[in-house]
Amino acid sequence: MEATTKDLRLHTKALMAATSRGEEVIISYRGKRRAKLVPLEDQPRARVGENPLFGLWADSETDLSVEEQVRQLRAPRSFDDVD
């Protein structure tokens, strides 16, 4: 990935996220490559299966599918539903 010094100043979080994914970011200044932003080697890269939220509803005791559960969570509620 390539970015300018202005991108580095304005979008630091996005560029750091790219390095967290294992990407290298080349920083250019006035059209010339000047620096490289690289991930640290001692940090393990996150994998999808290692994400603690992956399989969040795997132990669910309901018979509803994930889509139906999400639909219920997103459904509008009225004040009568509150206990």
Protein backbone atom coordinates (compact mmCIF):
# COMPACT_ATOMS: atom_id res chain seq x y z
CA MET A 1 0.00 0.00 0.00
CA GLU A 2 1.19 3.52 -0.66
CA ALA A 3 0.29 6.71 1.18
CA THR A 4 1.42 10.32 1.28
CA THR A 5 2.54 12.24 4.35
CA LYS A 6 -0.85 13.96 4.27
CA ASP A 7 -2.56 10.55 4.36
CA LEU A 8 -0.34 9.64 7.29
CA ARG A 9 -1.40 12.78 9.13
CA LEU A 10 -5.12 12.50 8.36
CA HIS A 11 -5.63 8.71 8.23
CA THR A 12 -3.17 7.36 10.77
CA LYS A 13 -5.68 4.90 12.26
CA ALA A 14 -6.44 3.32 8.86
CA LEU A 15 -2.75 3.00 8.02
CA MET A 16 -2.04 1.42 11.41
CA ALA A 17 -4.91 -1.01 10.81
CA ALA A 18 -3.28 -1.96 7.51
CA THR A 19 -0.03 -2.78 9.31
CA SER A 20 -2.00 -4.83 11.85
CA ARG A 21 -3.23 -6.93 8.92
CA GLY A 22 0.38 -7.52 7.90
CA GLU A 23 0.60 -4.96 5.10
CA GLU A 24 3.55 -2.67 4.53
CA VAL A 25 2.77 0.99 3.85
CA ILE A 26 5.16 3.08 1.76
CA ILE A 27 5.07 6.77 2.73
CA SER A 28 5.91 9.30 0.03
CA TYR A 29 6.72 12.99 0.37
CA ARG A 30 6.43 15.26 -2.65
CA GLY A 31 6.15 12.28 -4.97
CA LYS A 32 9.25 10.46 -3.70
CA ARG A 33 9.25 7.41 -1.47
CA ARG A 34 10.67 8.34 1.93
CA ALA A 35 9.64 5.78 4.55
CA LYS A 36 8.09 2.38 5.13
CA LEU A 37 5.54 1.59 7.84
CA VAL A 38 5.78 -2.11 8.70
CA PRO A 39 4.21 -4.35 11.35
CA LEU A 40 6.30 -5.43 14.31
CA GLU A 41 7.54 -8.99 13.95
CA ASP A 42 6.90 -9.98 17.57
CA GLN A 43 3.13 -9.36 17.29
CA PRO A 44 1.12 -12.38 16.12
CA ARG A 45 -1.27 -11.74 13.28
CA ALA A 46 -4.94 -12.21 14.13
CA ARG A 47 -6.80 -14.93 12.29
CA VAL A 48 -10.53 -15.17 11.79
CA GLY A 49 -10.82 -18.31 13.88
CA GLU A 50 -8.97 -16.67 16.79
CA ASN A 51 -11.40 -13.77 17.04
CA PRO A 52 -13.28 -14.13 20.35
CA LEU A 53 -16.53 -13.04 18.67
CA PHE A 54 -16.29 -15.70 15.95
CA GLY A 55 -19.03 -18.24 16.57
CA LEU A 56 -20.71 -16.00 19.14
CA TRP A 57 -24.02 -17.87 18.90
CA ALA A 58 -22.54 -21.36 18.64
CA ASP A 59 -23.79 -22.27 22.13
CA SER A 60 -27.21 -20.69 21.68
CA GLU A 61 -30.07 -22.71 23.12
CA THR A 62 -32.76 -21.34 20.80
CA ASP A 63 -34.05 -23.05 17.70
CA LEU A 64 -33.82 -19.81 15.71
CA SER A 65 -31.22 -19.28 13.01
CA VAL A 66 -28.69 -16.48 13.37
CA GLU A 67 -30.61 -14.42 10.78
CA GLU A 68 -33.86 -14.78 12.75
CA GLN A 69 -32.11 -13.83 16.02
CA VAL A 70 -30.62 -10.72 14.41
CA ARG A 71 -34.02 -9.83 12.94
CA GLN A 72 -35.56 -10.06 16.43
CA LEU A 73 -32.82 -7.87 17.90
CA ARG A 74 -33.34 -5.23 15.21
CA ALA A 75 -37.14 -5.27 15.43
CA PRO A 76 -38.69 -2.06 16.73
CA ARG A 77 -39.87 -2.24 20.31
CA SER A 78 -42.73 -0.49 22.03
CA PHE A 79 -42.95 0.69 25.63
CA ASP A 80 -45.37 -2.15 26.32
CA ASP A 81 -42.56 -4.69 25.78
CA VAL A 82 -40.53 -3.33 28.71
CA ASP A 83 -40.87 -5.31 31.97
